[in-house]
Amino acid sequence: MPALMLDWHIHRYDEVTSTQDIAADMARAGCVEGTVVVTKSQTAGRGRIGNVWQSHSGNLLTSIVLRPDIEPAQAGQYSFLTAVALNRTLSEMLNDSHSILNKWPNDLLVDGKKIAGILLESVLDGPRFAALVIGMGVNVASSPEDKTSLTALGAAQETSETVLVAFLANLKEVLLEFDQDGFAPFHEEWLDHAMNLHKTITVRLPSGTLDGVFEGLEVDGALRLRLANGDIKVIHSGEVFFG
């Protein structure tokens, strides 16, 4: 994908079922790369593994269509590229007293509380990979009680619009760097801000739970978990818990 030539084409809505649904429909209909869907409210927002994403007024709810020339196995890297771009954005908006960390595989936390989530979905054209839809929710003005927002963290001057503009600028920069340098620098940048790296975590899988030490990431973004017997378990999908 020639990231240097990427332009953003923003479509704004007052209310949709889900920005992911709208963006995926646009992708199937042949929309240009860089299509961005933004809404003020969602009636059926969702996160990973069927989780519900609660829509609060004043928060950023968006989905972005990319058409990278990649193999399906590489698609997961884009969740980490998005997290790096968003981490950079939040770092610009918050002072250094706040800890901004990446939680595998798709969340960002500030001072231990979730502020944003990322949802990556593929759009197929028969057996062919046609597009990636990157969904993102950022708590800007408000959040559920157990999470946090930019306003709660002292950045009340930020709005969903200022966050969107800054994030898209950072994402474009990240995609250009990725186009030139590959995934390795972002692998390292994500790990530099990884929550509980080299500490014991619990991973919930469909077959049960595993405890182990979070040792890092595979090149495709899969989690490396060192079990008590020293074996490394590579986990591509699951939910991580701490403590």
C-alpha atoms as a PDB file:
ATOM      1  CA  MET A   1       0.000   0.000   0.000  1.00  0.00           C
ATOM      2  CA  PRO A   2       1.490   3.362  -0.959  1.00  0.00           C
ATOM      3  CA  ALA A   3       0.853   5.035   2.395  1.00  0.00           C
ATOM      4  CA  LEU A   4       2.459   8.270   1.215  1.00  0.00           C
ATOM      5  CA  MET A   5      -0.443   8.718  -1.222  1.00  0.00           C
ATOM      6  CA  LEU A   6      -3.136   7.870   1.312  1.00  0.00           C
ATOM      7  CA  ASP A   7      -5.867  10.473   1.786  1.00  0.00           C
ATOM      8  CA  TRP A   8      -8.741  10.337   4.267  1.00  0.00           C
ATOM      9  CA  HIS A   9     -12.355  10.461   3.046  1.00  0.00           C
ATOM     10  CA  ILE A  10     -14.541  11.096   6.095  1.00  0.00           C
ATOM     11  CA  HIS A  11     -18.248  10.188   6.231  1.00  0.00           C
ATOM     12  CA  ARG A  12     -20.110  11.546   9.270  1.00  0.00           C
ATOM     13  CA  TYR A  13     -23.346  10.219  10.768  1.00  0.00           C
ATOM     14  CA  ASP A  14     -25.474  11.158  13.756  1.00  0.00           C
ATOM     15  CA  GLU A  15     -26.361   7.540  14.536  1.00  0.00           C
ATOM     16  CA  VAL A  16     -25.622   4.105  13.051  1.00  0.00           C
ATOM     17  CA  THR A  17     -25.877   0.525  14.223  1.00  0.00           C
ATOM     18  CA  SER A  18     -22.103   0.192  14.129  1.00  0.00           C
ATOM     19  CA  THR A  19     -19.377   2.050  12.257  1.00  0.00           C
ATOM     20  CA  GLN A  20     -17.882  -1.377  11.525  1.00  0.00           C
ATOM     21  CA  ASP A  21     -21.047  -2.439   9.697  1.00  0.00           C
ATOM     22  CA  ILE A  22     -21.204   0.759   7.625  1.00  0.00           C
ATOM     23  CA  ALA A  23     -17.497   0.682   6.748  1.00  0.00           C
ATOM     24  CA  ALA A  24     -17.618  -3.011   5.816  1.00  0.00           C
ATOM     25  CA  ASP A  25     -20.607  -2.383   3.534  1.00  0.00           C
ATOM     26  CA  MET A  26     -18.724   0.501   1.915  1.00  0.00           C
ATOM     27  CA  ALA A  27     -15.662  -1.712   1.450  1.00  0.00           C
ATOM     28  CA  ARG A  28     -17.719  -4.409  -0.265  1.00  0.00           C
ATOM     29  CA  ALA A  29     -19.252  -1.749  -2.518  1.00  0.00           C
ATOM     30  CA  GLY A  30     -15.769  -0.662  -3.634  1.00  0.00           C
ATOM     31  CA  CYS A  31     -15.099   2.468  -1.586  1.00  0.00           C
ATOM     32  CA  VAL A  32     -11.648   4.022  -1.823  1.00  0.00           C
ATOM     33  CA  GLU A  33      -8.908   3.211   0.608  1.00  0.00           C
ATOM     34  CA  GLY A  34      -8.844   5.739   3.423  1.00  0.00           C
ATOM     35  CA  THR A  35     -12.628   5.844   3.817  1.00  0.00           C
ATOM     36  CA  VAL A  36     -13.423   6.850   7.409  1.00  0.00           C
ATOM     37  CA  VAL A  37     -16.820   6.377   9.061  1.00  0.00           C
ATOM     38  CA  VAL A  38     -17.530   8.508  12.143  1.00  0.00           C
ATOM     39  CA  THR A  39     -20.702   8.648  14.212  1.00  0.00           C
ATOM     40  CA  LYS A  40     -21.994  10.423  17.292  1.00  0.00           C
ATOM     41  CA  SER A  41     -23.912   7.354  18.472  1.00  0.00           C
ATOM     42  CA  GLN A  42     -24.078   3.602  17.869  1.00  0.00           C
ATOM     43  CA  THR A  43     -27.060   1.388  18.634  1.00  0.00           C
ATOM     44  CA  ALA A  44     -25.134  -1.894  18.279  1.00  0.00           C
ATOM     45  CA  GLY A  45     -21.456  -1.083  18.803  1.00  0.00           C
ATOM     46  CA  ARG A  46     -19.244  -4.097  19.380  1.00  0.00           C
ATOM     47  CA  GLY A  47     -15.769  -5.095  20.446  1.00  0.00           C
ATOM     48  CA  ARG A  48     -13.789  -8.291  20.169  1.00  0.00           C
ATOM     49  CA  ILE A  49     -15.300 -11.730  20.820  1.00  0.00           C
ATOM     50  CA  GLY A  50     -18.845 -10.364  20.656  1.00  0.00           C
ATOM     51  CA  ASN A  51     -18.362  -7.867  23.474  1.00  0.00           C
ATOM     52  CA  VAL A  52     -20.533  -4.741  23.483  1.00  0.00           C
ATOM     53  CA  TRP A  53     -18.870  -1.335  23.091  1.00  0.00           C
ATOM     54  CA  GLN A  54     -20.888   1.197  25.039  1.00  0.00           C
ATOM     55  CA  SER A  55     -21.496   4.445  23.149  1.00  0.00           C
ATOM     56  CA  HIS A  56     -21.334   7.587  25.273  1.00  0.00           C
ATOM     57  CA  SER A  57     -21.992  11.095  23.983  1.00  0.00           C
ATOM     58  CA  GLY A  58     -18.884  13.039  23.001  1.00  0.00           C
ATOM     59  CA  ASN A  59     -16.654  10.005  22.493  1.00  0.00           C
ATOM     60  CA  LEU A  60     -14.879   8.995  19.293  1.00  0.00           C
ATOM     61  CA  LEU A  61     -16.534   6.131  17.398  1.00  0.00           C
ATOM     62  CA  THR A  62     -14.909   5.430  14.050  1.00  0.00           C
ATOM     63  CA  SER A  63     -13.970   2.775  11.495  1.00  0.00           C
ATOM     64  CA  ILE A  64     -11.390   3.045   8.728  1.00  0.00           C
ATOM     65  CA  VAL A  65     -11.111   1.098   5.480  1.00  0.00           C
ATOM     66  CA  LEU A  66      -7.634   0.110   4.281  1.00  0.00           C
ATOM     67  CA  ARG A  67      -6.745  -2.032   1.281  1.00  0.00           C
ATOM     68  CA  PRO A  68      -3.201  -3.268   1.961  1.00  0.00           C
ATOM     69  CA  ASP A  69      -1.564  -5.708  -0.441  1.00  0.00           C
ATOM     70  CA  ILE A  70      -0.871  -8.369   2.176  1.00  0.00           C
ATOM     71  CA  GLU A  71      -1.419 -12.009   2.954  1.00  0.00           C
ATOM     72  CA  PRO A  72      -4.269 -12.728   5.396  1.00  0.00           C
ATOM     73  CA  ALA A  73      -1.760 -13.864   8.031  1.00  0.00           C
ATOM     74  CA  GLN A  74      -0.313 -10.339   8.120  1.00  0.00           C
ATOM     75  CA  ALA A  75      -3.627  -8.632   8.864  1.00  0.00           C
ATOM     76  CA  GLY A  76      -3.184  -8.830  12.635  1.00  0.00           C
ATOM     77  CA  GLN A  77      -0.191  -6.524  12.462  1.00  0.00           C
ATOM     78  CA  TYR A  78      -2.536  -3.638  11.666  1.00  0.00           C
ATOM     79  CA  SER A  79      -4.125  -3.821  15.114  1.00  0.00           C
ATOM     80  CA  PHE A  80      -0.690  -3.103  16.592  1.00  0.00           C
ATOM     81  CA  LEU A  81       0.042  -0.349  14.059  1.00  0.00           C
ATOM     82  CA  THR A  82      -3.257   1.277  15.056  1.00  0.00           C
ATOM     83  CA  ALA A  83      -2.386   0.955  18.753  1.00  0.00           C
ATOM     84  CA  VAL A  84       0.976   2.627  18.189  1.00  0.00           C
ATOM     85  CA  ALA A  85      -0.674   5.518  16.323  1.00  0.00           C
ATOM     86  CA  LEU A  86      -3.268   5.936  19.067  1.00  0.00           C
ATOM     87  CA  ASN A  87      -0.674   5.697  21.835  1.00  0.00           C
ATOM     88  CA  ARG A  88       1.279   8.491  20.133  1.00  0.00           C
ATOM     89  CA  THR A  89      -1.924  10.548  19.881  1.00  0.00           C
ATOM     90  CA  LEU A  90      -2.823  10.152  23.551  1.00  0.00           C
ATOM     91  CA  SER A  91       0.766  10.930  24.549  1.00  0.00           C
ATOM     92  CA  GLU A  92       0.461  14.261  22.742  1.00  0.00           C
ATOM     93  CA  MET A  93      -2.734  15.103  24.640  1.00  0.00           C
ATOM     94  CA  LEU A  94      -1.808  13.999  28.171  1.00  0.00           C
ATOM     95  CA  ASN A  95       1.041  15.145  30.361  1.00  0.00           C
ATOM     96  CA  ASP A  96       3.924  12.900  31.347  1.00  0.00           C
ATOM     97  CA  SER A  97       2.424  12.054  34.730  1.00  0.00           C
ATOM     98  CA  HIS A  98       0.056   9.587  33.080  1.00  0.00           C
ATOM     99  CA  SER A  99       0.993   6.017  32.161  1.00  0.00           C
ATOM    100  CA  ILE A 100      -0.328   5.025  28.706  1.00  0.00           C
ATOM    101  CA  LEU A 101      -0.024   1.290  28.146  1.00  0.00           C
ATOM    102  CA  ASN A 102      -0.990  -1.224  25.464  1.00  0.00           C
ATOM    103  CA  LYS A 103      -2.933  -4.254  26.657  1.00  0.00           C
ATOM    104  CA  TRP A 104      -2.717  -7.258  24.356  1.00  0.00           C
ATOM    105  CA  PRO A 105      -4.281  -7.615  21.924  1.00  0.00           C
ATOM    106  CA  ASN A 106      -6.319  -4.473  21.297  1.00  0.00           C
ATOM    107  CA  ASP A 107      -6.845  -2.122  24.260  1.00  0.00           C
ATOM    108  CA  LEU A 108      -5.150   1.005  25.553  1.00  0.00           C
ATOM    109  CA  LEU A 109      -5.158   1.861  29.243  1.00  0.00           C
ATOM    110  CA  VAL A 110      -4.240   5.074  31.035  1.00  0.00           C
ATOM    111  CA  ASP A 111      -3.245   4.823  34.694  1.00  0.00           C
ATOM    112  CA  GLY A 112      -4.566   1.256  34.702  1.00  0.00           C
ATOM    113  CA  LYS A 113      -8.019   2.023  33.280  1.00  0.00           C
ATOM    114  CA  LYS A 114      -9.223   1.319  29.748  1.00  0.00           C
ATOM    115  CA  ILE A 115      -9.592   4.377  27.533  1.00  0.00           C
ATOM    116  CA  ALA A 116      -9.773   2.830  24.050  1.00  0.00           C
ATOM    117  CA  GLY A 117     -10.376  -0.373  22.159  1.00  0.00           C
ATOM    118  CA  ILE A 118      -9.536  -1.495  18.640  1.00  0.00           C
ATOM    119  CA  LEU A 119     -11.436  -4.001  16.490  1.00  0.00           C
ATOM    120  CA  LEU A 120      -9.925  -5.397  13.299  1.00  0.00           C
ATOM    121  CA  GLU A 121     -12.129  -7.175  10.748  1.00  0.00           C
ATOM    122  CA  SER A 122     -11.333  -8.503   7.275  1.00  0.00           C
ATOM    123  CA  VAL A 123     -13.537  -8.084   4.222  1.00  0.00           C
ATOM    124  CA  LEU A 124     -13.220 -10.915   1.710  1.00  0.00           C
ATOM    125  CA  ASP A 125     -14.077 -11.014  -1.971  1.00  0.00           C
ATOM    126  CA  GLY A 126     -14.705 -14.739  -2.288  1.00  0.00           C
ATOM    127  CA  PRO A 127     -11.395 -16.319  -1.237  1.00  0.00           C
ATOM    128  CA  ARG A 128      -9.514 -13.064  -1.873  1.00  0.00           C
ATOM    129  CA  PHE A 129      -8.552 -10.581   0.808  1.00  0.00           C
ATOM    130  CA  ALA A 130     -10.236  -7.310  -0.217  1.00  0.00           C
ATOM    131  CA  ALA A 131     -10.009  -4.863   2.692  1.00  0.00           C
ATOM    132  CA  LEU A 132      -9.347  -4.305   6.369  1.00  0.00           C
ATOM    133  CA  VAL A 133     -11.809  -2.419   8.533  1.00  0.00           C
ATOM    134  CA  ILE A 134     -10.197  -0.957  11.647  1.00  0.00           C
ATOM    135  CA  GLY A 135     -12.741   0.037  14.263  1.00  0.00           C
ATOM    136  CA  MET A 136     -11.843   2.198  17.228  1.00  0.00           C
ATOM    137  CA  GLY A 137     -13.603   3.649  20.230  1.00  0.00           C
ATOM    138  CA  VAL A 138     -11.923   6.287  22.397  1.00  0.00           C
ATOM    139  CA  ASN A 139     -13.406   7.637  25.606  1.00  0.00           C
ATOM    140  CA  VAL A 140     -13.036  11.381  25.137  1.00  0.00           C
ATOM    141  CA  ALA A 141     -15.779  13.133  27.108  1.00  0.00           C
ATOM    142  CA  SER A 142     -16.969  10.322  29.381  1.00  0.00           C
ATOM    143  CA  SER A 143     -16.633   6.642  30.204  1.00  0.00           C
ATOM    144  CA  PRO A 144     -18.232   3.805  32.140  1.00  0.00           C
ATOM    145  CA  GLU A 145     -17.398   3.842  35.841  1.00  0.00           C
ATOM    146  CA  ASP A 146     -14.564   1.289  35.654  1.00  0.00           C
ATOM    147  CA  LYS A 147     -12.844   2.992  32.695  1.00  0.00           C
ATOM    148  CA  THR A 148     -11.431   6.464  32.045  1.00  0.00           C
ATOM    149  CA  SER A 149     -11.634   9.325  29.535  1.00  0.00           C
ATOM    150  CA  LEU A 150      -9.528  12.227  28.348  1.00  0.00           C
ATOM    151  CA  THR A 151     -11.796  14.630  30.227  1.00  0.00           C
ATOM    152  CA  ALA A 152     -11.359  12.683  33.476  1.00  0.00           C
ATOM    153  CA  LEU A 153      -7.590  12.761  32.925  1.00  0.00           C
ATOM    154  CA  GLY A 154      -7.498  16.555  32.660  1.00  0.00           C
ATOM    155  CA  ALA A 155      -7.634  16.961  28.862  1.00  0.00           C
ATOM    156  CA  ALA A 156     -11.130  18.477  28.764  1.00  0.00           C
ATOM    157  CA  GLN A 157     -10.108  20.694  25.835  1.00  0.00           C
ATOM    158  CA  GLU A 158     -10.024  17.641  23.554  1.00  0.00           C
ATOM    159  CA  THR A 159     -13.101  16.634  21.567  1.00  0.00           C
ATOM    160  CA  SER A 160     -13.927  13.635  19.425  1.00  0.00           C
ATOM    161  CA  GLU A 161     -13.002  15.782  16.403  1.00  0.00           C
ATOM    162  CA  THR A 162      -9.579  16.856  17.697  1.00  0.00           C
ATOM    163  CA  VAL A 163      -8.772  13.261  18.629  1.00  0.00           C
ATOM    164  CA  LEU A 164      -9.862  12.014  15.192  1.00  0.00           C
ATOM    165  CA  VAL A 165      -7.759  14.586  13.329  1.00  0.00           C
ATOM    166  CA  ALA A 166      -4.664  13.930  15.440  1.00  0.00           C
ATOM    167  CA  PHE A 167      -5.095  10.165  15.251  1.00  0.00           C
ATOM    168  CA  LEU A 168      -5.488  10.130  11.456  1.00  0.00           C
ATOM    169  CA  ALA A 169      -2.317  12.206  11.118  1.00  0.00           C
ATOM    170  CA  ASN A 170      -0.434   9.753  13.323  1.00  0.00           C
ATOM    171  CA  LEU A 171      -1.900   6.724  11.570  1.00  0.00           C
ATOM    172  CA  LYS A 172      -0.823   8.052   8.184  1.00  0.00           C
ATOM    173  CA  GLU A 173       2.692   8.579   9.538  1.00  0.00           C
ATOM    174  CA  VAL A 174       2.739   5.066  10.981  1.00  0.00           C
ATOM    175  CA  LEU A 175       1.559   3.535   7.701  1.00  0.00           C
ATOM    176  CA  LEU A 176       4.278   5.411   5.809  1.00  0.00           C
ATOM    177  CA  GLU A 177       6.931   4.203   8.247  1.00  0.00           C
ATOM    178  CA  PHE A 178       5.548   0.666   8.000  1.00  0.00           C
ATOM    179  CA  ASP A 179       5.638   0.852   4.205  1.00  0.00           C
ATOM    180  CA  GLN A 180       9.300   1.868   4.348  1.00  0.00           C
ATOM    181  CA  ASP A 181      10.650  -0.063   7.347  1.00  0.00           C
ATOM    182  CA  GLY A 182       8.351  -3.050   7.891  1.00  0.00           C
ATOM    183  CA  PHE A 183       6.769  -4.220  11.133  1.00  0.00           C
ATOM    184  CA  ALA A 184       9.864  -4.661  13.322  1.00  0.00           C
ATOM    185  CA  PRO A 185      10.077  -1.044  14.623  1.00  0.00           C
ATOM    186  CA  PHE A 186       6.400  -1.126  15.608  1.00  0.00           C
ATOM    187  CA  HIS A 187       6.790  -4.520  17.228  1.00  0.00           C
ATOM    188  CA  GLU A 188       9.365  -2.874  19.493  1.00  0.00           C
ATOM    189  CA  GLU A 189       7.425   0.374  20.019  1.00  0.00           C
ATOM    190  CA  TRP A 190       4.308  -1.547  21.033  1.00  0.00           C
ATOM    191  CA  LEU A 191       6.327  -3.660  23.494  1.00  0.00           C
ATOM    192  CA  ASP A 192       7.969  -0.526  24.946  1.00  0.00           C
ATOM    193  CA  HIS A 193       4.479   0.417  26.203  1.00  0.00           C
ATOM    194  CA  ALA A 194       3.161  -3.100  26.872  1.00  0.00           C
ATOM    195  CA  MET A 195       1.266  -3.745  30.086  1.00  0.00           C
ATOM    196  CA  ASN A 196       2.759  -6.452  32.329  1.00  0.00           C
ATOM    197  CA  LEU A 197       5.526  -7.482  29.948  1.00  0.00           C
ATOM    198  CA  HIS A 198       7.699 -10.148  31.649  1.00  0.00           C
ATOM    199  CA  LYS A 199       5.087 -10.530  34.386  1.00  0.00           C
ATOM    200  CA  THR A 200       2.586 -13.268  35.163  1.00  0.00           C
ATOM    201  CA  ILE A 201      -0.761 -12.992  33.391  1.00  0.00           C
ATOM    202  CA  THR A 202      -3.834 -15.145  32.881  1.00  0.00           C
ATOM    203  CA  VAL A 203      -5.112 -15.786  29.361  1.00  0.00           C
ATOM    204  CA  ARG A 204      -8.683 -16.971  28.895  1.00  0.00           C
ATOM    205  CA  LEU A 205      -9.141 -19.260  25.889  1.00  0.00           C
ATOM    206  CA  PRO A 206     -12.233 -21.096  24.587  1.00  0.00           C
ATOM    207  CA  SER A 207     -10.750 -24.275  26.064  1.00  0.00           C
ATOM    208  CA  GLY A 208      -9.986 -22.809  29.496  1.00  0.00           C
ATOM    209  CA  THR A 209      -7.386 -20.524  31.083  1.00  0.00           C
ATOM    210  CA  LEU A 210      -3.600 -20.489  31.090  1.00  0.00           C
ATOM    211  CA  ASP A 211      -1.240 -18.788  33.533  1.00  0.00           C
ATOM    212  CA  GLY A 212       2.248 -17.815  32.469  1.00  0.00           C
ATOM    213  CA  VAL A 213       4.761 -15.043  31.934  1.00  0.00           C
ATOM    214  CA  PHE A 214       4.106 -12.592  29.099  1.00  0.00           C
ATOM    215  CA  GLU A 215       7.360 -12.905  27.138  1.00  0.00           C
ATOM    216  CA  GLY A 216       6.547 -10.753  24.113  1.00  0.00           C
ATOM    217  CA  LEU A 217       5.030 -10.963  20.646  1.00  0.00           C
ATOM    218  CA  GLU A 218       5.513 -13.091  17.574  1.00  0.00           C
ATOM    219  CA  VAL A 219       6.096 -11.286  14.279  1.00  0.00           C
ATOM    220  CA  ASP A 220       2.365 -11.536  13.504  1.00  0.00           C
ATOM    221  CA  GLY A 221       1.412 -10.060  16.886  1.00  0.00           C
ATOM    222  CA  ALA A 222       0.570 -13.346  18.619  1.00  0.00           C
ATOM    223  CA  LEU A 223       1.303 -13.424  22.352  1.00  0.00           C
ATOM    224  CA  ARG A 224       4.225 -15.483  23.678  1.00  0.00           C
ATOM    225  CA  LEU A 225       3.353 -17.048  27.049  1.00  0.00           C
ATOM    226  CA  ARG A 226       6.029 -18.917  29.036  1.00  0.00           C
ATOM    227  CA  LEU A 227       4.356 -21.690  31.012  1.00  0.00           C
ATOM    228  CA  ALA A 228       5.492 -22.986  34.400  1.00  0.00           C
ATOM    229  CA  ASN A 229       7.395 -25.872  32.741  1.00  0.00           C
ATOM    230  CA  GLY A 230       9.345 -23.422  30.573  1.00  0.00           C
ATOM    231  CA  ASP A 231       7.502 -24.151  27.334  1.00  0.00           C
ATOM    232  CA  ILE A 232       6.402 -21.215  25.159  1.00  0.00           C
ATOM    233  CA  LYS A 233       2.733 -21.168  24.180  1.00  0.00           C
ATOM    234  CA  VAL A 234       1.891 -18.949  21.196  1.00  0.00           C
ATOM    235  CA  ILE A 235      -1.612 -17.478  21.524  1.00  0.00           C
ATOM    236  CA  HIS A 236      -3.350 -15.821  18.582  1.00  0.00           C
ATOM    237  CA  SER A 237      -6.682 -15.013  20.241  1.00  0.00           C
ATOM    238  CA  GLY A 238      -7.763 -14.734  23.851  1.00  0.00           C
ATOM    239  CA  GLU A 239      -8.529 -12.364  26.730  1.00  0.00           C
ATOM    240  CA  VAL A 240      -5.778 -11.286  29.114  1.00  0.00           C
ATOM    241  CA  PHE A 241      -6.237 -10.692  32.843  1.00  0.00           C
ATOM    242  CA  PHE A 242      -3.765  -9.347  35.376  1.00  0.00           C
ATOM    243  CA  GLY A 243      -3.234  -9.934  39.059  1.00  0.00           C
END
